Amino acid sequence: MVKNNNISIHSGFPNPATDSSLASINLQNLIIKHPSSTYLMRIEGNEWEEQGVFSGDIIILDRALDHKSSDTIVWWNDDNFRIGKVTQMPKNLEYFGVVTNIIHNLR
């Protein structure tokens, strides 16, 4: 077994019980930095397909973050949430939160 920067490369089927140096992966810790201000939203519609976001995808939204000019954000408009770049949000509205991750199912 060769180890390189916390990545193990095995030949054959390894026995996980014998390798105590491997840390488990916790998706919640990786993608949710502020649990009390994080929301999950399912996307409906095809407006974002060119950017790789499809109807049925789930966005992870963090309300504790201040938005940056390159961020994708969510705002409230006409009784609906809207998603877009900071530059697309109408000037008279406030943003709801910053999109930090997108969960996209392949199957």
C-alpha atoms as a PDB file:
ATOM      1  CA  MET A   1       0.000   0.000   0.000  1.00  0.00           C
ATOM      2  CA  VAL A   2       1.330   3.449  -0.959  1.00  0.00           C
ATOM      3  CA  LYS A   3       0.128   6.492   0.982  1.00  0.00           C
ATOM      4  CA  ASN A   4       0.242   9.980  -0.469  1.00  0.00           C
ATOM      5  CA  ASN A   5      -1.388  13.025   1.180  1.00  0.00           C
ATOM      6  CA  ASN A   6      -4.064  11.028   3.053  1.00  0.00           C
ATOM      7  CA  ILE A   7      -5.004   9.075  -0.082  1.00  0.00           C
ATOM      8  CA  SER A   8      -4.388   5.364  -0.022  1.00  0.00           C
ATOM      9  CA  ILE A   9      -3.785   3.375  -3.169  1.00  0.00           C
ATOM     10  CA  HIS A  10      -4.385  -0.361  -2.803  1.00  0.00           C
ATOM     11  CA  SER A  11      -3.824  -3.289  -5.076  1.00  0.00           C
ATOM     12  CA  GLY A  12      -6.408  -5.972  -4.511  1.00  0.00           C
ATOM     13  CA  PHE A  13      -9.218  -5.710  -2.018  1.00  0.00           C
ATOM     14  CA  PRO A  14      -7.982  -4.083   1.210  1.00  0.00           C
ATOM     15  CA  ASN A  15      -9.109  -5.062   4.661  1.00  0.00           C
ATOM     16  CA  PRO A  16     -10.469  -1.814   6.186  1.00  0.00           C
ATOM     17  CA  ALA A  17      -9.999  -3.157   9.706  1.00  0.00           C
ATOM     18  CA  THR A  18      -6.213  -3.256   9.275  1.00  0.00           C
ATOM     19  CA  ASP A  19      -5.790   0.349   8.122  1.00  0.00           C
ATOM     20  CA  SER A  20      -6.410   2.655  11.083  1.00  0.00           C
ATOM     21  CA  SER A  21      -4.882   5.690   9.339  1.00  0.00           C
ATOM     22  CA  LEU A  22      -7.881   6.187   7.046  1.00  0.00           C
ATOM     23  CA  ALA A  23     -10.330   8.794   8.313  1.00  0.00           C
ATOM     24  CA  SER A  24     -14.003   8.434   7.545  1.00  0.00           C
ATOM     25  CA  ILE A  25     -15.603  10.997   5.282  1.00  0.00           C
ATOM     26  CA  ASN A  26     -18.439  12.976   6.832  1.00  0.00           C
ATOM     27  CA  LEU A  27     -20.368  14.789   4.099  1.00  0.00           C
ATOM     28  CA  GLN A  28     -22.187  17.001   6.573  1.00  0.00           C
ATOM     29  CA  ASN A  29     -18.901  18.342   7.947  1.00  0.00           C
ATOM     30  CA  LEU A  30     -17.543  18.881   4.435  1.00  0.00           C
ATOM     31  CA  ILE A  31     -20.451  20.852   2.979  1.00  0.00           C
ATOM     32  CA  ILE A  32     -22.185  22.492   5.958  1.00  0.00           C
ATOM     33  CA  LYS A  33     -20.054  25.093   7.729  1.00  0.00           C
ATOM     34  CA  HIS A  34     -22.844  26.870   9.667  1.00  0.00           C
ATOM     35  CA  PRO A  35     -25.521  24.274  10.562  1.00  0.00           C
ATOM     36  CA  SER A  36     -27.908  26.733  12.230  1.00  0.00           C
ATOM     37  CA  SER A  37     -28.020  28.949   9.130  1.00  0.00           C
ATOM     38  CA  THR A  38     -27.866  26.316   6.390  1.00  0.00           C
ATOM     39  CA  TYR A  39     -30.846  25.295   4.272  1.00  0.00           C
ATOM     40  CA  LEU A  40     -31.383  22.695   1.554  1.00  0.00           C
ATOM     41  CA  MET A  41     -33.566  23.648  -1.412  1.00  0.00           C
ATOM     42  CA  ARG A  42     -34.655  21.560  -4.368  1.00  0.00           C
ATOM     43  CA  ILE A  43     -34.411  23.314  -7.738  1.00  0.00           C
ATOM     44  CA  GLU A  44     -37.412  23.304 -10.070  1.00  0.00           C
ATOM     45  CA  GLY A  45     -37.095  24.380 -13.669  1.00  0.00           C
ATOM     46  CA  ASN A  46     -34.433  24.336 -16.359  1.00  0.00           C
ATOM     47  CA  GLU A  47     -33.142  27.913 -16.198  1.00  0.00           C
ATOM     48  CA  TRP A  48     -29.705  26.851 -14.924  1.00  0.00           C
ATOM     49  CA  GLU A  49     -28.949  23.863 -17.168  1.00  0.00           C
ATOM     50  CA  GLU A  50     -26.161  25.734 -19.003  1.00  0.00           C
ATOM     51  CA  GLN A  51     -24.384  26.113 -15.649  1.00  0.00           C
ATOM     52  CA  GLY A  52     -24.857  22.424 -14.805  1.00  0.00           C
ATOM     53  CA  VAL A  53     -27.769  22.866 -12.361  1.00  0.00           C
ATOM     54  CA  PHE A  54     -30.811  20.800 -13.291  1.00  0.00           C
ATOM     55  CA  SER A  55     -34.395  20.484 -12.141  1.00  0.00           C
ATOM     56  CA  GLY A  56     -34.413  18.192  -9.116  1.00  0.00           C
ATOM     57  CA  ASP A  57     -30.924  19.178  -7.945  1.00  0.00           C
ATOM     58  CA  ILE A  58     -30.516  20.250  -4.328  1.00  0.00           C
ATOM     59  CA  ILE A  59     -28.677  23.437  -3.456  1.00  0.00           C
ATOM     60  CA  ILE A  60     -27.048  24.016  -0.095  1.00  0.00           C
ATOM     61  CA  LEU A  61     -27.661  27.567   1.007  1.00  0.00           C
ATOM     62  CA  ASP A  62     -25.749  29.340   3.794  1.00  0.00           C
ATOM     63  CA  ARG A  63     -27.405  32.454   5.235  1.00  0.00           C
ATOM     64  CA  ALA A  64     -24.416  33.267   7.489  1.00  0.00           C
ATOM     65  CA  LEU A  65     -22.141  34.157   4.569  1.00  0.00           C
ATOM     66  CA  ASP A  66     -21.776  37.614   3.089  1.00  0.00           C
ATOM     67  CA  HIS A  67     -22.038  37.369  -0.681  1.00  0.00           C
ATOM     68  CA  LYS A  68     -19.146  38.109  -3.021  1.00  0.00           C
ATOM     69  CA  SER A  69     -19.514  39.389  -6.563  1.00  0.00           C
ATOM     70  CA  SER A  70     -18.869  35.936  -8.095  1.00  0.00           C
ATOM     71  CA  ASP A  71     -21.294  34.032  -5.829  1.00  0.00           C
ATOM     72  CA  THR A  72     -24.501  32.322  -6.818  1.00  0.00           C
ATOM     73  CA  ILE A  73     -27.171  33.526  -4.432  1.00  0.00           C
ATOM     74  CA  VAL A  74     -30.850  33.109  -3.623  1.00  0.00           C
ATOM     75  CA  TRP A  75     -33.258  35.994  -3.093  1.00  0.00           C
ATOM     76  CA  TRP A  76     -36.999  36.397  -2.460  1.00  0.00           C
ATOM     77  CA  ASN A  77     -39.075  37.996  -5.242  1.00  0.00           C
ATOM     78  CA  ASP A  78     -42.795  37.831  -6.089  1.00  0.00           C
ATOM     79  CA  ASP A  79     -43.587  35.157  -3.489  1.00  0.00           C
ATOM     80  CA  ASN A  80     -40.857  32.854  -4.841  1.00  0.00           C
ATOM     81  CA  PHE A  81     -37.210  32.186  -4.244  1.00  0.00           C
ATOM     82  CA  ARG A  82     -34.961  33.059  -7.184  1.00  0.00           C
ATOM     83  CA  ILE A  83     -31.460  31.808  -7.872  1.00  0.00           C
ATOM     84  CA  GLY A  84     -28.817  33.683  -9.815  1.00  0.00           C
ATOM     85  CA  LYS A  85     -25.536  35.502  -9.772  1.00  0.00           C
ATOM     86  CA  VAL A  86     -25.188  38.572  -7.562  1.00  0.00           C
ATOM     87  CA  THR A  87     -25.321  40.794 -10.652  1.00  0.00           C
ATOM     88  CA  GLN A  88     -28.711  39.330 -11.665  1.00  0.00           C
ATOM     89  CA  MET A  89     -30.499  40.217  -8.431  1.00  0.00           C
ATOM     90  CA  PRO A  90     -32.734  43.296  -8.717  1.00  0.00           C
ATOM     91  CA  LYS A  91     -31.328  46.273  -6.805  1.00  0.00           C
ATOM     92  CA  ASN A  92     -34.369  46.756  -4.543  1.00  0.00           C
ATOM     93  CA  LEU A  93     -34.234  43.210  -3.093  1.00  0.00           C
ATOM     94  CA  GLU A  94     -32.075  41.610  -0.436  1.00  0.00           C
ATOM     95  CA  TYR A  95     -30.392  38.296  -0.840  1.00  0.00           C
ATOM     96  CA  PHE A  96     -31.531  35.317   1.215  1.00  0.00           C
ATOM     97  CA  GLY A  97     -28.278  33.347   1.215  1.00  0.00           C
ATOM     98  CA  VAL A  98     -25.233  32.114  -0.663  1.00  0.00           C
ATOM     99  CA  VAL A  99     -25.264  28.820  -2.578  1.00  0.00           C
ATOM    100  CA  THR A 100     -22.265  26.845  -1.334  1.00  0.00           C
ATOM    101  CA  ASN A 101     -22.839  23.437  -2.938  1.00  0.00           C
ATOM    102  CA  ILE A 102     -25.095  21.662  -5.409  1.00  0.00           C
ATOM    103  CA  ILE A 103     -26.129  18.019  -5.108  1.00  0.00           C
ATOM    104  CA  HIS A 104     -26.712  16.579  -8.552  1.00  0.00           C
ATOM    105  CA  ASN A 105     -27.932  13.002  -8.946  1.00  0.00           C
ATOM    106  CA  LEU A 106     -26.523  11.076 -11.877  1.00  0.00           C
ATOM    107  CA  ARG A 107     -29.065   8.241 -11.682  1.00  0.00           C
END
